[in-house]
């Protein structure tokens, strides 16, 4: 019986590890996505006039072995935020959504990730959500 439980737990652990590798996350700085935010500067200014947004956040990371853009961050991006002047934790999330295309060496859109050497992003939306408080450091 104990061996059967161990096998089930092992299988569940493997499934969880596999699921995590399919949608890998990675860190991204606001400065890295400044060109995306600059597409709608008034909208971003409306957010930052009321919010203190952490300069460090996260995005999806391209992770398939062998692709030239492996490790590149792509949307959606998430950044912790809080109301300006609030001494409390960063209890909000700013989510930056953008459509993106893979670009080949000539700057043309390609669907072949093996030929992609860059990405082009188009801002779709900025949203604000309530988040759990950031963990204590």
N, C-alpha and C. Protein backbone atom coordinates (compact mmCIF):
# COMPACT_ATOMS: atom_id res chain seq x y z
N UNK A 1 0.83 -1.20 0.00
CA UNK A 1 0.00 0.00 0.00
C UNK A 1 0.87 1.26 0.00
N UNK A 2 1.89 1.30 0.88
CA UNK A 2 2.76 2.47 0.96
C UNK A 2 3.50 2.67 -0.36
N UNK A 3 3.93 1.58 -1.00
CA UNK A 3 4.62 1.69 -2.28
C UNK A 3 3.69 2.27 -3.34
N UNK A 4 2.42 1.89 -3.31
CA UNK A 4 1.45 2.44 -4.27
C UNK A 4 1.24 3.92 -4.08
N UNK A 5 1.18 4.37 -2.84
CA UNK A 5 1.02 5.80 -2.53
C UNK A 5 2.25 6.56 -3.01
N UNK A 6 3.43 5.96 -2.78
CA UNK A 6 4.67 6.61 -3.23
C UNK A 6 4.69 6.77 -4.75
N UNK A 7 4.23 5.74 -5.47
CA UNK A 7 4.19 5.81 -6.94
C UNK A 7 3.25 6.92 -7.40
N UNK A 8 2.09 7.02 -6.75
CA UNK A 8 1.13 8.06 -7.12
C UNK A 8 1.72 9.44 -6.85
N UNK A 9 2.35 9.61 -5.68
CA UNK A 9 2.96 10.90 -5.35
C UNK A 9 4.09 11.24 -6.32
N UNK A 10 4.89 10.23 -6.69
CA UNK A 10 5.96 10.45 -7.65
C UNK A 10 5.38 10.89 -9.00
N UNK A 11 4.34 10.21 -9.45
CA UNK A 11 3.71 10.56 -10.73
C UNK A 11 3.14 11.97 -10.70
N UNK A 12 2.50 12.33 -9.60
CA UNK A 12 1.97 13.69 -9.46
C UNK A 12 3.08 14.71 -9.49
N UNK A 13 4.17 14.43 -8.81
CA UNK A 13 5.32 15.33 -8.81
C UNK A 13 5.89 15.52 -10.21
N UNK A 14 5.98 14.43 -10.98
CA UNK A 14 6.47 14.52 -12.36
C UNK A 14 5.54 15.36 -13.22
N UNK A 15 4.23 15.16 -13.06
CA UNK A 15 3.27 15.96 -13.83
C UNK A 15 3.37 17.43 -13.50
N UNK A 16 3.53 17.75 -12.22
CA UNK A 16 3.64 19.16 -11.81
C UNK A 16 4.92 19.76 -12.38
N UNK A 17 6.01 19.03 -12.36
CA UNK A 17 7.26 19.54 -12.92
C UNK A 17 7.14 19.77 -14.41
N UNK A 18 6.50 18.84 -15.13
CA UNK A 18 6.31 18.99 -16.56
C UNK A 18 5.44 20.18 -16.87
N UNK A 19 4.35 20.35 -16.14
CA UNK A 19 3.45 21.48 -16.38
C UNK A 19 4.18 22.80 -16.17
N UNK A 20 5.05 22.87 -15.18
CA UNK A 20 5.81 24.08 -14.93
C UNK A 20 6.78 24.41 -16.05
N UNK A 21 7.34 23.39 -16.68
CA UNK A 21 8.31 23.66 -17.74
C UNK A 21 7.63 24.09 -19.04
N UNK A 22 6.36 23.78 -19.21
CA UNK A 22 5.67 24.16 -20.44
C UNK A 22 5.36 25.65 -20.48
N UNK A 23 5.19 26.24 -19.33
CA UNK A 23 4.88 27.66 -19.26
C UNK A 23 5.88 28.32 -18.31
N UNK A 24 7.07 28.44 -18.79
CA UNK A 24 8.14 28.97 -17.95
C UNK A 24 8.01 30.48 -17.82
N UNK A 25 8.25 30.96 -16.64
CA UNK A 25 8.25 32.39 -16.41
C UNK A 25 9.66 32.92 -16.29
N UNK A 26 9.79 34.20 -16.32
CA UNK A 26 11.11 34.80 -16.17
C UNK A 26 10.99 36.26 -15.81
N UNK A 27 12.05 36.79 -15.26
CA UNK A 27 12.03 38.18 -14.83
C UNK A 27 12.16 39.12 -16.02
N UNK A 28 11.55 40.27 -15.86
CA UNK A 28 11.61 41.31 -16.89
C UNK A 28 11.57 42.65 -16.17
N UNK A 29 12.29 43.62 -16.68
CA UNK A 29 12.28 44.96 -16.11
C UNK A 29 11.37 45.87 -16.93
N UNK A 30 10.80 46.86 -16.27
CA UNK A 30 9.97 47.83 -16.99
C UNK A 30 10.75 48.46 -18.14
N UNK A 31 12.03 48.70 -17.91
CA UNK A 31 12.85 49.29 -18.98
C UNK A 31 12.88 48.41 -20.22
N UNK A 32 12.79 47.09 -20.02
CA UNK A 32 12.82 46.16 -21.15
C UNK A 32 11.59 46.29 -22.04
N UNK A 33 10.46 46.70 -21.46
CA UNK A 33 9.23 46.80 -22.24
C UNK A 33 8.81 48.25 -22.46
N UNK A 34 9.73 49.18 -22.22
CA UNK A 34 9.43 50.61 -22.42
C UNK A 34 8.90 50.89 -23.83
N UNK A 35 9.45 50.27 -24.89
CA UNK A 35 8.90 50.54 -26.22
C UNK A 35 7.43 50.12 -26.36
N UNK A 36 7.04 49.06 -25.68
CA UNK A 36 5.64 48.62 -25.72
C UNK A 36 4.77 49.64 -25.00
N UNK A 37 5.19 50.06 -23.82
CA UNK A 37 4.41 51.04 -23.03
C UNK A 37 4.35 52.39 -23.74
N UNK A 38 5.39 52.73 -24.49
CA UNK A 38 5.44 54.01 -25.19
C UNK A 38 4.44 54.08 -26.35
N UNK A 39 3.86 52.94 -26.72
CA UNK A 39 2.85 52.95 -27.78
C UNK A 39 1.59 53.68 -27.35
N UNK A 40 1.33 53.74 -26.06
CA UNK A 40 0.18 54.46 -25.50
C UNK A 40 0.65 55.23 -24.26
N UNK A 41 1.48 56.24 -24.43
CA UNK A 41 2.09 56.93 -23.29
C UNK A 41 1.08 57.52 -22.33
N UNK A 42 -0.02 58.05 -22.81
CA UNK A 42 -1.03 58.63 -21.92
C UNK A 42 -1.64 57.59 -21.00
N UNK A 43 -1.84 56.40 -21.52
CA UNK A 43 -2.40 55.32 -20.71
C UNK A 43 -1.43 54.91 -19.61
N UNK A 44 -0.16 54.75 -19.96
CA UNK A 44 0.84 54.37 -18.97
C UNK A 44 1.00 55.48 -17.93
N UNK A 45 0.98 56.74 -18.37
CA UNK A 45 1.09 57.86 -17.43
C UNK A 45 -0.09 57.89 -16.47
N UNK A 46 -1.29 57.51 -16.93
CA UNK A 46 -2.45 57.45 -16.04
C UNK A 46 -2.22 56.42 -14.93
N UNK A 47 -1.62 55.30 -15.28
CA UNK A 47 -1.33 54.28 -14.27
C UNK A 47 -0.28 54.78 -13.29
N UNK A 48 0.82 55.31 -13.82
CA UNK A 48 1.93 55.68 -12.95
C UNK A 48 1.68 56.97 -12.17
N UNK A 49 0.67 57.74 -12.55
CA UNK A 49 0.35 58.93 -11.77
C UNK A 49 -0.30 58.56 -10.44
N UNK A 50 -0.92 57.39 -10.39
CA UNK A 50 -1.61 56.95 -9.18
C UNK A 50 -0.94 55.76 -8.48
N UNK A 51 -0.07 55.09 -9.20
CA UNK A 51 0.52 53.85 -8.69
C UNK A 51 2.03 53.92 -8.62
N UNK A 52 2.58 53.26 -7.63
CA UNK A 52 4.01 52.99 -7.56
C UNK A 52 4.18 51.58 -8.11
N UNK A 53 4.79 51.47 -9.27
CA UNK A 53 4.94 50.19 -9.95
C UNK A 53 6.38 49.70 -9.76
N UNK A 54 6.51 48.47 -9.31
CA UNK A 54 7.84 47.89 -9.14
C UNK A 54 8.55 47.87 -10.50
N UNK A 55 9.84 48.20 -10.53
CA UNK A 55 10.56 48.18 -11.80
C UNK A 55 10.87 46.77 -12.29
N UNK A 56 10.64 45.77 -11.45
CA UNK A 56 10.94 44.38 -11.80
C UNK A 56 9.67 43.56 -11.75
N UNK A 57 9.44 42.79 -12.80
CA UNK A 57 8.25 41.96 -12.87
C UNK A 57 8.56 40.64 -13.56
N UNK A 58 7.55 40.09 -14.20
CA UNK A 58 7.72 38.81 -14.85
C UNK A 58 6.98 38.74 -16.16
N UNK A 59 7.39 37.79 -16.97
CA UNK A 59 6.74 37.52 -18.24
C UNK A 59 6.95 36.08 -18.60
N UNK A 60 6.32 35.66 -19.66
CA UNK A 60 6.56 34.31 -20.14
C UNK A 60 7.93 34.26 -20.80
N UNK A 61 8.56 33.10 -20.72
CA UNK A 61 9.89 32.93 -21.30
C UNK A 61 9.80 31.85 -22.36
N UNK A 62 10.28 32.17 -23.56
CA UNK A 62 10.35 31.15 -24.60
C UNK A 62 11.40 30.12 -24.18
N UNK A 63 11.02 28.86 -24.18
CA UNK A 63 11.93 27.88 -23.61
C UNK A 63 12.18 26.63 -24.43
N UNK A 64 11.66 26.54 -25.64
CA UNK A 64 11.87 25.34 -26.43
C UNK A 64 13.35 25.20 -26.79
N UNK A 65 13.91 24.04 -26.58
CA UNK A 65 15.33 23.83 -26.92
C UNK A 65 15.58 24.06 -28.41
N UNK A 66 16.68 24.72 -28.70
CA UNK A 66 17.11 24.88 -30.08
C UNK A 66 16.59 26.10 -30.82
N UNK A 67 15.62 26.83 -30.25
CA UNK A 67 15.14 28.00 -30.97
C UNK A 67 16.06 29.19 -30.67
N UNK A 68 16.31 30.03 -31.67
CA UNK A 68 17.22 31.16 -31.47
C UNK A 68 16.77 32.13 -30.37
N UNK A 69 15.47 32.26 -30.16
CA UNK A 69 14.96 33.22 -29.17
C UNK A 69 14.74 32.59 -27.79
N UNK A 70 15.30 31.43 -27.55
CA UNK A 70 15.13 30.77 -26.25
C UNK A 70 15.57 31.73 -25.14
N UNK A 71 14.70 31.88 -24.15
CA UNK A 71 14.99 32.78 -23.03
C UNK A 71 14.38 34.16 -23.18
N UNK A 72 13.91 34.50 -24.39
CA UNK A 72 13.29 35.80 -24.62
C UNK A 72 11.98 35.90 -23.84
N UNK A 73 11.73 37.04 -23.23
CA UNK A 73 10.48 37.27 -22.50
C UNK A 73 9.42 37.78 -23.46
N UNK A 74 8.22 37.25 -23.29
CA UNK A 74 7.08 37.65 -24.12
C UNK A 74 5.88 37.92 -23.21
N UNK A 75 4.91 38.68 -23.72
CA UNK A 75 3.73 39.01 -22.92
C UNK A 75 2.86 37.78 -22.67
N UNK A 76 2.02 37.86 -21.65
CA UNK A 76 1.74 39.03 -20.81
C UNK A 76 2.83 39.23 -19.76
N UNK A 77 2.99 40.49 -19.36
CA UNK A 77 3.95 40.85 -18.33
C UNK A 77 3.16 41.26 -17.08
N UNK A 78 3.71 40.95 -15.91
CA UNK A 78 3.06 41.33 -14.65
C UNK A 78 4.06 42.06 -13.77
N UNK A 79 3.58 43.15 -13.17
CA UNK A 79 4.39 43.94 -12.25
C UNK A 79 3.58 44.21 -11.00
N UNK A 80 4.20 44.10 -9.85
CA UNK A 80 3.54 44.45 -8.60
C UNK A 80 3.41 45.96 -8.51
N UNK A 81 2.37 46.42 -7.84
CA UNK A 81 2.13 47.86 -7.69
C UNK A 81 1.39 48.11 -6.38
N UNK A 82 1.38 49.37 -5.99
CA UNK A 82 0.58 49.82 -4.85
C UNK A 82 0.24 51.28 -5.09
N UNK A 83 -0.73 51.77 -4.37
CA UNK A 83 -1.10 53.17 -4.49
C UNK A 83 0.07 54.04 -4.05
N UNK A 84 0.30 55.14 -4.76
CA UNK A 84 1.39 56.05 -4.38
C UNK A 84 1.18 56.53 -2.96
N UNK A 85 2.24 56.55 -2.20
CA UNK A 85 2.19 57.02 -0.83
C UNK A 85 1.75 55.96 0.17
N UNK A 86 1.29 54.83 -0.29
CA UNK A 86 0.85 53.76 0.61
C UNK A 86 2.08 53.07 1.19
N UNK A 87 2.21 53.05 2.51
CA UNK A 87 3.38 52.42 3.12
C UNK A 87 3.28 50.89 3.12
N UNK A 88 2.14 50.37 2.76
CA UNK A 88 1.91 48.94 2.80
C UNK A 88 2.59 48.19 1.67
N UNK A 89 2.27 46.91 1.58
CA UNK A 89 2.90 46.06 0.56
C UNK A 89 2.37 46.34 -0.84
N UNK A 90 3.06 45.82 -1.81
CA UNK A 90 2.63 45.89 -3.20
C UNK A 90 1.49 44.87 -3.36
N UNK A 91 0.27 45.34 -3.24
CA UNK A 91 -0.89 44.44 -3.20
C UNK A 91 -1.73 44.51 -4.47
N UNK A 92 -1.18 45.07 -5.53
CA UNK A 92 -1.86 45.15 -6.81
C UNK A 92 -0.95 44.57 -7.89
N UNK A 93 -1.56 44.19 -9.01
CA UNK A 93 -0.78 43.72 -10.16
C UNK A 93 -1.17 44.55 -11.37
N UNK A 94 -0.18 45.05 -12.07
CA UNK A 94 -0.38 45.67 -13.37
C UNK A 94 -0.03 44.61 -14.40
N UNK A 95 -0.97 44.32 -15.29
CA UNK A 95 -0.76 43.31 -16.32
C UNK A 95 -0.71 44.00 -17.68
N UNK A 96 0.39 43.80 -18.37
CA UNK A 96 0.60 44.38 -19.69
C UNK A 96 0.40 43.27 -20.71
N UNK A 97 -0.64 43.42 -21.51
CA UNK A 97 -0.91 42.43 -22.56
C UNK A 97 -0.55 43.03 -23.91
N UNK A 98 0.08 42.22 -24.72
CA UNK A 98 0.47 42.66 -26.06
C UNK A 98 0.42 41.47 -27.01
N UNK A 99 0.08 41.75 -28.25
CA UNK A 99 0.21 40.76 -29.30
C UNK A 99 1.66 40.82 -29.77
N UNK A 100 2.18 39.69 -30.20
CA UNK A 100 3.55 39.74 -30.73
C UNK A 100 3.68 38.81 -31.92
N UNK A 101 4.60 39.20 -32.80
CA UNK A 101 4.94 38.43 -33.99
C UNK A 101 6.41 38.08 -33.93
N UNK A 102 6.75 36.91 -34.45
CA UNK A 102 8.15 36.55 -34.64
C UNK A 102 8.63 37.20 -35.93
N UNK A 103 9.87 37.69 -35.90
CA UNK A 103 10.47 38.33 -37.09
C UNK A 103 11.70 37.56 -37.52
N UNK A 104 11.87 37.40 -38.86
CA UNK A 104 13.06 36.74 -39.38
C UNK A 104 14.18 37.77 -39.56
N UNK A 105 15.29 37.36 -40.14
CA UNK A 105 16.45 38.25 -40.29
C UNK A 105 16.17 39.46 -41.17
N UNK A 106 15.20 39.37 -42.06
CA UNK A 106 14.85 40.49 -42.92
C UNK A 106 13.78 41.39 -42.28
N UNK A 107 13.34 41.05 -41.08
CA UNK A 107 12.32 41.84 -40.41
C UNK A 107 10.90 41.48 -40.82
N UNK A 108 10.74 40.38 -41.53
CA UNK A 108 9.43 39.93 -41.95
C UNK A 108 8.82 39.00 -40.90
N UNK A 109 7.50 39.01 -40.81
CA UNK A 109 6.80 38.12 -39.89
C UNK A 109 6.98 36.69 -40.35
N UNK A 110 7.29 35.81 -39.38
CA UNK A 110 7.43 34.38 -39.67
C UNK A 110 6.70 33.59 -38.60
N UNK A 111 6.18 32.45 -38.98
CA UNK A 111 5.57 31.54 -38.02
C UNK A 111 6.54 30.45 -37.60
N UNK A 112 7.71 30.43 -38.20
CA UNK A 112 8.72 29.42 -37.93
C UNK A 112 9.65 29.93 -36.83
N UNK A 113 9.50 29.38 -35.63
CA UNK A 113 10.32 29.82 -34.49
C UNK A 113 11.81 29.60 -34.73
N UNK A 114 12.15 28.64 -35.60
CA UNK A 114 13.56 28.37 -35.89
C UNK A 114 14.19 29.48 -36.74
N UNK A 115 13.37 30.24 -37.45
CA UNK A 115 13.87 31.35 -38.27
C UNK A 115 13.77 32.69 -37.55
N UNK A 116 13.08 32.72 -36.43
CA UNK A 116 12.84 33.97 -35.71
C UNK A 116 14.11 34.46 -35.02
N UNK A 117 14.40 35.73 -35.23
CA UNK A 117 15.56 36.36 -34.56
C UNK A 117 15.13 37.57 -33.73
N UNK A 118 13.84 37.88 -33.77
CA UNK A 118 13.32 39.01 -33.01
C UNK A 118 11.81 38.92 -32.88
N UNK A 119 11.27 39.82 -32.08
CA UNK A 119 9.81 39.89 -31.95
C UNK A 119 9.36 41.34 -32.08
N UNK A 120 8.14 41.52 -32.55
CA UNK A 120 7.50 42.82 -32.61
C UNK A 120 6.25 42.72 -31.75
N UNK A 121 6.08 43.71 -30.85
CA UNK A 121 4.96 43.68 -29.92
C UNK A 121 4.03 44.86 -30.16
N UNK A 122 2.74 44.61 -29.99
CA UNK A 122 1.74 45.67 -30.08
C UNK A 122 0.90 45.64 -28.81
N UNK A 123 0.91 46.75 -28.09
CA UNK A 123 0.17 46.85 -26.83
C UNK A 123 -1.32 46.63 -27.08
N UNK A 124 -1.91 45.75 -26.27
CA UNK A 124 -3.33 45.44 -26.36
C UNK A 124 -4.08 46.05 -25.18
N UNK A 125 -3.53 45.87 -23.97
CA UNK A 125 -4.23 46.40 -22.79
C UNK A 125 -3.30 46.48 -21.60
N UNK A 126 -3.68 47.37 -20.69
CA UNK A 126 -3.10 47.45 -19.35
C UNK A 126 -4.25 47.22 -18.39
N UNK A 127 -4.08 46.29 -17.48
CA UNK A 127 -5.13 46.04 -16.50
C UNK A 127 -4.54 46.07 -15.10
N UNK A 128 -5.42 46.33 -14.16
CA UNK A 128 -5.04 46.39 -12.75
C UNK A 128 -5.87 45.36 -12.01
N UNK A 129 -5.19 44.53 -11.21
CA UNK A 129 -5.86 43.51 -10.43
C UNK A 129 -5.38 43.56 -8.99
N UNK A 130 -6.22 43.07 -8.10
CA UNK A 130 -5.82 42.92 -6.71
C UNK A 130 -4.97 41.66 -6.62
N UNK A 131 -3.88 41.75 -5.89
CA UNK A 131 -2.98 40.60 -5.72
C UNK A 131 -2.77 40.33 -4.25
N UNK A 132 -2.30 39.14 -3.96
CA UNK A 132 -1.91 38.84 -2.60
C UNK A 132 -0.73 39.73 -2.26
N UNK A 133 -0.59 40.10 -1.00
CA UNK A 133 0.56 40.93 -0.63
C UNK A 133 1.87 40.23 -0.98
N UNK A 134 2.85 41.03 -1.35
CA UNK A 134 4.16 40.49 -1.66
C UNK A 134 4.73 39.84 -0.40
N UNK A 135 5.45 38.75 -0.54
CA UNK A 135 6.04 38.10 0.62
C UNK A 135 7.06 39.02 1.29
N UNK A 136 7.18 38.88 2.60
CA UNK A 136 8.15 39.69 3.35
C UNK A 136 9.55 39.32 2.91
N UNK A 137 10.40 40.34 2.84
CA UNK A 137 11.80 40.09 2.42
C UNK A 137 12.70 40.09 3.63
